[in-house]
Amino acid sequence: MKYEYIVTVYTTNTLGMLTRIAAIFSRRRINIENLHVAASELKGVHRFIFSIMETEDVTRNLSLQIEKQVEVLKSYYHTTE
C-alpha cells in the first residue's frame, strides 16, 4: 500500500547534485510530490527533502540507491505520521 514518505538527503555542496538525485527518481518512475532544498546547519552541507507517494520497500531501496552517490553523506526516510 502506498503512503506518503519524506526522504531527507544530506549532501556536500556540489554542482549538479539535484539533477543527479532527480535522475534516480526518474529512472525508478517515482513522482516527486514536494521538494525543498536548503543549506543545513553545517557549513558546506545541503539538505534535500523530497515528499513521495510510494510503498515502504520502494522508498527503502530508493534511499539506499541515493546513498551510493559519492557526495551524499546520509539519506533517511520516514512517513508523515
C-alpha atoms as a PDB file:
ATOM      1  CA  MET A   1       0.000   0.000   0.000  1.00  0.00           C
ATOM      2  CA  LYS A   2       1.312   3.440  -0.892  1.00  0.00           C
ATOM      3  CA  TYR A   3       1.853   6.035   1.825  1.00  0.00           C
ATOM      4  CA  GLU A   4       3.355   9.483   1.835  1.00  0.00           C
ATOM      5  CA  TYR A   5       7.050   9.269   2.702  1.00  0.00           C
ATOM      6  CA  ILE A   6       9.551  12.019   3.388  1.00  0.00           C
ATOM      7  CA  VAL A   7      13.067  11.325   2.077  1.00  0.00           C
ATOM      8  CA  THR A   8      15.769  13.552   3.574  1.00  0.00           C
ATOM      9  CA  VAL A   9      19.186  13.608   1.929  1.00  0.00           C
ATOM     10  CA  TYR A  10      22.318  15.367   3.235  1.00  0.00           C
ATOM     11  CA  THR A  11      24.976  16.106   0.615  1.00  0.00           C
ATOM     12  CA  THR A  12      28.096  18.157   0.176  1.00  0.00           C
ATOM     13  CA  ASN A  13      27.563  21.409  -1.702  1.00  0.00           C
ATOM     14  CA  THR A  14      28.326  20.099  -5.194  1.00  0.00           C
ATOM     15  CA  LEU A  15      27.156  21.484  -8.525  1.00  0.00           C
ATOM     16  CA  GLY A  16      24.540  19.253 -10.198  1.00  0.00           C
ATOM     17  CA  MET A  17      23.540  17.187  -7.148  1.00  0.00           C
ATOM     18  CA  LEU A  18      19.827  17.943  -7.565  1.00  0.00           C
ATOM     19  CA  THR A  19      19.953  16.727 -11.168  1.00  0.00           C
ATOM     20  CA  ARG A  20      21.732  13.520 -10.198  1.00  0.00           C
ATOM     21  CA  ILE A  21      19.305  12.757  -7.363  1.00  0.00           C
ATOM     22  CA  ALA A  22      16.273  13.628  -9.507  1.00  0.00           C
ATOM     23  CA  ALA A  23      17.573  11.226 -12.169  1.00  0.00           C
ATOM     24  CA  ILE A  24      17.358   8.382  -9.639  1.00  0.00           C
ATOM     25  CA  PHE A  25      13.684   9.225  -9.055  1.00  0.00           C
ATOM     26  CA  SER A  26      13.109   9.441 -12.801  1.00  0.00           C
ATOM     27  CA  ARG A  27      14.753   6.086 -13.573  1.00  0.00           C
ATOM     28  CA  ARG A  28      12.528   4.421 -10.974  1.00  0.00           C
ATOM     29  CA  ARG A  29       9.467   6.273 -12.308  1.00  0.00           C
ATOM     30  CA  ILE A  30       8.745   7.908  -8.930  1.00  0.00           C
ATOM     31  CA  ASN A  31       6.919  11.222  -8.918  1.00  0.00           C
ATOM     32  CA  ILE A  32       8.232  13.889  -6.516  1.00  0.00           C
ATOM     33  CA  GLU A  33       5.213  15.469  -4.811  1.00  0.00           C
ATOM     34  CA  ASN A  34       7.154  18.170  -2.974  1.00  0.00           C
ATOM     35  CA  LEU A  35      10.797  19.288  -2.903  1.00  0.00           C
ATOM     36  CA  HIS A  36      12.683  21.559  -0.539  1.00  0.00           C
ATOM     37  CA  VAL A  37      16.427  22.296  -0.757  1.00  0.00           C
ATOM     38  CA  ALA A  38      18.347  24.423   1.726  1.00  0.00           C
ATOM     39  CA  ALA A  39      21.691  24.750   3.429  1.00  0.00           C
ATOM     40  CA  SER A  40      21.886  22.721   6.630  1.00  0.00           C
ATOM     41  CA  GLU A  41      23.293  23.766   9.982  1.00  0.00           C
ATOM     42  CA  LEU A  42      26.739  22.532   8.905  1.00  0.00           C
ATOM     43  CA  LYS A  43      28.810  24.649   6.539  1.00  0.00           C
ATOM     44  CA  GLY A  44      29.115  23.126   3.054  1.00  0.00           C
ATOM     45  CA  VAL A  45      26.302  20.594   3.629  1.00  0.00           C
ATOM     46  CA  HIS A  46      22.905  20.873   1.962  1.00  0.00           C
ATOM     47  CA  ARG A  47      19.626  19.193   2.873  1.00  0.00           C
ATOM     48  CA  PHE A  48      17.202  17.915   0.219  1.00  0.00           C
ATOM     49  CA  ILE A  49      13.701  16.990   1.387  1.00  0.00           C
ATOM     50  CA  PHE A  50      11.513  15.009  -1.025  1.00  0.00           C
ATOM     51  CA  SER A  51       7.892  14.046  -0.486  1.00  0.00           C
ATOM     52  CA  ILE A  52       6.709  10.962  -2.426  1.00  0.00           C
ATOM     53  CA  MET A  53       3.742   8.563  -2.500  1.00  0.00           C
ATOM     54  CA  GLU A  54       5.178   5.020  -2.572  1.00  0.00           C
ATOM     55  CA  THR A  55       5.417   1.711  -0.755  1.00  0.00           C
ATOM     56  CA  GLU A  56       7.959   1.238   2.008  1.00  0.00           C
ATOM     57  CA  ASP A  57      10.036  -1.263   0.008  1.00  0.00           C
ATOM     58  CA  VAL A  58      10.387   1.108  -2.943  1.00  0.00           C
ATOM     59  CA  THR A  59      11.213   4.012  -0.618  1.00  0.00           C
ATOM     60  CA  ARG A  60      13.840   1.984   1.276  1.00  0.00           C
ATOM     61  CA  ASN A  61      15.517   0.914  -1.979  1.00  0.00           C
ATOM     62  CA  LEU A  62      15.400   4.484  -3.276  1.00  0.00           C
ATOM     63  CA  SER A  63      17.078   5.783  -0.123  1.00  0.00           C
ATOM     64  CA  LEU A  64      19.823   3.146  -0.379  1.00  0.00           C
ATOM     65  CA  GLN A  65      20.387   3.964  -4.068  1.00  0.00           C
ATOM     66  CA  ILE A  66      20.707   7.681  -3.289  1.00  0.00           C
ATOM     67  CA  GLU A  67      23.286   6.936  -0.563  1.00  0.00           C
ATOM     68  CA  LYS A  68      25.521   5.265  -3.158  1.00  0.00           C
ATOM     69  CA  GLN A  69      26.246   8.665  -4.715  1.00  0.00           C
ATOM     70  CA  VAL A  70      29.734   9.820  -3.745  1.00  0.00           C
ATOM     71  CA  GLU A  71      28.737  13.276  -2.472  1.00  0.00           C
ATOM     72  CA  VAL A  72      25.752  12.013  -0.435  1.00  0.00           C
ATOM     73  CA  LEU A  73      26.531  11.887   3.267  1.00  0.00           C
ATOM     74  CA  LYS A  74      23.299  10.254   4.511  1.00  0.00           C
ATOM     75  CA  SER A  75      19.754   9.540   3.353  1.00  0.00           C
ATOM     76  CA  TYR A  76      16.750   8.952   5.653  1.00  0.00           C
ATOM     77  CA  TYR A  77      13.088   8.219   5.029  1.00  0.00           C
ATOM     78  CA  HIS A  78      10.007   8.281   7.268  1.00  0.00           C
ATOM     79  CA  THR A  79       6.238   8.565   6.986  1.00  0.00           C
ATOM     80  CA  THR A  80       4.360  11.772   7.715  1.00  0.00           C
ATOM     81  CA  GLU A  81       2.678  10.200  10.751  1.00  0.00           C
END
